[in-house]
């Protein structure tokens, strides 16, 4: 009977040792992943500081025309885009009232 208990005790000791090693490996991997993520965030923050905050001006019409000519000469597709006109602003209709759209939900809670 003592032999069976001794084998079980050894198995428990091995299991605990393997479990401890697995936990140690997972903690090490987590720490490495956090370090890598922090480094990536720092590099990304540095790159965003170098980015131009202002919007780029539209490409000159002559440059766009010469680029389109080159693409046609190479047999590449050329997308023809019209310069969009500014969208008209929508004026409120005269029958719009200033009532809150949620007035019904305020008066009839439930």
C-alpha atoms as a PDB file:
ATOM      1  CA  UNK A   1       0.000   0.000   0.000  1.00  0.00           C
ATOM      2  CA  UNK A   2       2.879   2.325   0.740  1.00  0.00           C
ATOM      3  CA  UNK A   3       4.191   1.917  -2.826  1.00  0.00           C
ATOM      4  CA  UNK A   4       1.006   3.267  -4.370  1.00  0.00           C
ATOM      5  CA  UNK A   5       0.988   6.324  -2.121  1.00  0.00           C
ATOM      6  CA  UNK A   6       4.638   6.985  -2.822  1.00  0.00           C
ATOM      7  CA  UNK A   7       4.029   6.912  -6.577  1.00  0.00           C
ATOM      8  CA  UNK A   8       1.098   9.263  -6.204  1.00  0.00           C
ATOM      9  CA  UNK A   9       3.135  11.639  -4.034  1.00  0.00           C
ATOM     10  CA  UNK A  10       5.903  11.697  -6.645  1.00  0.00           C
ATOM     11  CA  UNK A  11       3.351  12.408  -9.376  1.00  0.00           C
ATOM     12  CA  UNK A  12       1.942  15.304  -7.342  1.00  0.00           C
ATOM     13  CA  UNK A  13       5.433  16.702  -6.808  1.00  0.00           C
ATOM     14  CA  UNK A  14       6.179  16.446 -10.564  1.00  0.00           C
ATOM     15  CA  UNK A  15       2.828  18.024 -11.408  1.00  0.00           C
ATOM     16  CA  UNK A  16       3.444  20.940  -9.062  1.00  0.00           C
ATOM     17  CA  UNK A  17       6.949  21.448 -10.473  1.00  0.00           C
ATOM     18  CA  UNK A  18       5.645  21.434 -14.063  1.00  0.00           C
ATOM     19  CA  UNK A  19       2.816  23.771 -13.109  1.00  0.00           C
ATOM     20  CA  UNK A  20       5.248  26.153 -11.428  1.00  0.00           C
ATOM     21  CA  UNK A  21       7.507  26.112 -14.502  1.00  0.00           C
ATOM     22  CA  UNK A  22       4.517  26.806 -16.775  1.00  0.00           C
ATOM     23  CA  UNK A  23       3.395  29.725 -14.627  1.00  0.00           C
ATOM     24  CA  UNK A  24       6.942  31.116 -14.646  1.00  0.00           C
ATOM     25  CA  UNK A  25       7.105  30.842 -18.460  1.00  0.00           C
ATOM     26  CA  UNK A  26       3.733  32.549 -18.833  1.00  0.00           C
ATOM     27  CA  UNK A  27       4.759  35.406 -16.545  1.00  0.00           C
ATOM     28  CA  UNK A  28       8.004  35.857 -18.479  1.00  0.00           C
ATOM     29  CA  UNK A  29       6.117  35.857 -21.799  1.00  0.00           C
ATOM     30  CA  UNK A  30       3.616  38.381 -20.445  1.00  0.00           C
ATOM     31  CA  UNK A  31       6.397  40.682 -19.284  1.00  0.00           C
ATOM     32  CA  UNK A  32       8.149  40.434 -22.671  1.00  0.00           C
ATOM     33  CA  UNK A  33       4.889  41.174 -24.496  1.00  0.00           C
ATOM     34  CA  UNK A  34       4.276  44.228 -22.299  1.00  0.00           C
ATOM     35  CA  UNK A  35       7.803  45.494 -22.949  1.00  0.00           C
ATOM     36  CA  UNK A  36       7.403  44.987 -26.690  1.00  0.00           C
ATOM     37  CA  UNK A  37       4.032  46.747 -26.643  1.00  0.00           C
ATOM     38  CA  UNK A  38       5.449  49.686 -24.692  1.00  0.00           C
ATOM     39  CA  UNK A  39       8.341  50.006 -27.151  1.00  0.00           C
ATOM     40  CA  UNK A  40       5.892  49.919 -30.060  1.00  0.00           C
ATOM     41  CA  UNK A  41       3.725  52.607 -28.452  1.00  0.00           C
ATOM     42  CA  UNK A  42       6.778  54.825 -27.879  1.00  0.00           C
ATOM     43  CA  UNK A  43       7.888  54.472 -31.504  1.00  0.00           C
ATOM     44  CA  UNK A  44       4.370  55.164 -32.722  1.00  0.00           C
ATOM     45  CA  UNK A  45       4.138  58.278 -30.557  1.00  0.00           C
ATOM     46  CA  UNK A  46       7.465  59.507 -31.956  1.00  0.00           C
ATOM     47  CA  UNK A  47       6.277  58.932 -35.515  1.00  0.00           C
ATOM     48  CA  UNK A  48       2.992  60.734 -34.947  1.00  0.00           C
ATOM     49  CA  UNK A  49       4.977  63.722 -33.705  1.00  0.00           C
ATOM     50  CA  UNK A  50       6.785  63.821 -37.051  1.00  0.00           C
ATOM     51  CA  UNK A  51       3.571  63.628 -39.100  1.00  0.00           C
ATOM     52  CA  UNK A  52       2.334  66.745 -40.802  1.00  0.00           C
ATOM     53  CA  UNK A  53      -0.757  68.045 -39.032  1.00  0.00           C
ATOM     54  CA  UNK A  54      -1.962  70.224 -41.924  1.00  0.00           C
ATOM     55  CA  UNK A  55      -3.847  68.817 -44.889  1.00  0.00           C
ATOM     56  CA  UNK A  56      -1.965  68.491 -48.145  1.00  0.00           C
ATOM     57  CA  UNK A  57      -2.806  70.855 -50.963  1.00  0.00           C
ATOM     58  CA  UNK A  58      -4.415  69.306 -54.047  1.00  0.00           C
ATOM     59  CA  UNK A  59      -2.019  68.248 -56.772  1.00  0.00           C
ATOM     60  CA  UNK A  60      -1.496  70.767 -59.541  1.00  0.00           C
ATOM     61  CA  UNK A  61      -3.706  70.179 -62.584  1.00  0.00           C
ATOM     62  CA  UNK A  62      -0.741  69.971 -64.977  1.00  0.00           C
ATOM     63  CA  UNK A  63       0.943  67.334 -62.812  1.00  0.00           C
ATOM     64  CA  UNK A  64      -2.257  65.282 -62.671  1.00  0.00           C
ATOM     65  CA  UNK A  65      -2.625  65.526 -66.457  1.00  0.00           C
ATOM     66  CA  UNK A  66       0.967  64.385 -67.085  1.00  0.00           C
ATOM     67  CA  UNK A  67       0.528  61.503 -64.617  1.00  0.00           C
ATOM     68  CA  UNK A  68      -2.667  60.431 -66.393  1.00  0.00           C
ATOM     69  CA  UNK A  69      -0.899  60.609 -69.771  1.00  0.00           C
ATOM     70  CA  UNK A  70       1.914  58.416 -68.450  1.00  0.00           C
ATOM     71  CA  UNK A  71      -0.538  55.845 -67.063  1.00  0.00           C
ATOM     72  CA  UNK A  72      -2.383  55.714 -70.398  1.00  0.00           C
ATOM     73  CA  UNK A  73       0.954  55.263 -72.239  1.00  0.00           C
ATOM     74  CA  UNK A  74       1.776  52.347 -69.918  1.00  0.00           C
ATOM     75  CA  UNK A  75      -1.625  50.771 -70.515  1.00  0.00           C
ATOM     76  CA  UNK A  76      -2.740  51.373 -66.954  1.00  0.00           C
ATOM     77  CA  UNK A  77      -6.278  52.352 -66.014  1.00  0.00           C
ATOM     78  CA  UNK A  78      -6.850  56.032 -65.414  1.00  0.00           C
ATOM     79  CA  UNK A  79      -9.694  57.060 -63.181  1.00  0.00           C
ATOM     80  CA  UNK A  80     -11.356  60.245 -64.301  1.00  0.00           C
ATOM     81  CA  UNK A  81     -12.508  62.260 -61.330  1.00  0.00           C
ATOM     82  CA  UNK A  82     -14.490  65.416 -61.489  1.00  0.00           C
ATOM     83  CA  UNK A  83     -13.651  68.119 -59.029  1.00  0.00           C
ATOM     84  CA  UNK A  84     -16.598  68.063 -56.649  1.00  0.00           C
ATOM     85  CA  UNK A  85     -18.526  71.265 -56.159  1.00  0.00           C
ATOM     86  CA  UNK A  86     -18.977  72.360 -52.562  1.00  0.00           C
ATOM     87  CA  UNK A  87     -22.073  70.808 -51.074  1.00  0.00           C
ATOM     88  CA  UNK A  88     -24.850  73.276 -50.400  1.00  0.00           C
ATOM     89  CA  UNK A  89     -25.682  73.741 -46.771  1.00  0.00           C
ATOM     90  CA  UNK A  90     -29.129  72.618 -45.811  1.00  0.00           C
ATOM     91  CA  UNK A  91     -31.214  75.455 -44.450  1.00  0.00           C
ATOM     92  CA  UNK A  92     -33.753  74.502 -41.795  1.00  0.00           C
ATOM     93  CA  UNK A  93     -37.293  74.472 -43.082  1.00  0.00           C
ATOM     94  CA  UNK A  94     -39.475  77.256 -41.695  1.00  0.00           C
ATOM     95  CA  UNK A  95     -41.860  74.840 -39.983  1.00  0.00           C
ATOM     96  CA  UNK A  96     -39.099  73.388 -37.778  1.00  0.00           C
ATOM     97  CA  UNK A  97     -39.820  74.090 -34.166  1.00  0.00           C
ATOM     98  CA  UNK A  98     -37.252  74.245 -31.433  1.00  0.00           C
ATOM     99  CA  UNK A  99     -38.876  71.552 -29.344  1.00  0.00           C
ATOM    100  CA  UNK A 100     -36.677  68.813 -28.055  1.00  0.00           C
ATOM    101  CA  UNK A 101     -37.101  65.651 -30.146  1.00  0.00           C
ATOM    102  CA  UNK A 102     -37.174  63.594 -26.975  1.00  0.00           C
ATOM    103  CA  UNK A 103     -40.033  65.527 -25.373  1.00  0.00           C
ATOM    104  CA  UNK A 104     -42.381  62.575 -25.720  1.00  0.00           C
ATOM    105  CA  UNK A 105     -39.912  60.283 -23.966  1.00  0.00           C
ATOM    106  CA  UNK A 106     -39.556  62.815 -21.137  1.00  0.00           C
ATOM    107  CA  UNK A 107     -43.287  63.197 -20.611  1.00  0.00           C
ATOM    108  CA  UNK A 108     -44.148  59.517 -20.876  1.00  0.00           C
ATOM    109  CA  UNK A 109     -41.435  57.640 -19.057  1.00  0.00           C
ATOM    110  CA  UNK A 110     -42.093  54.010 -18.928  1.00  0.00           C
END
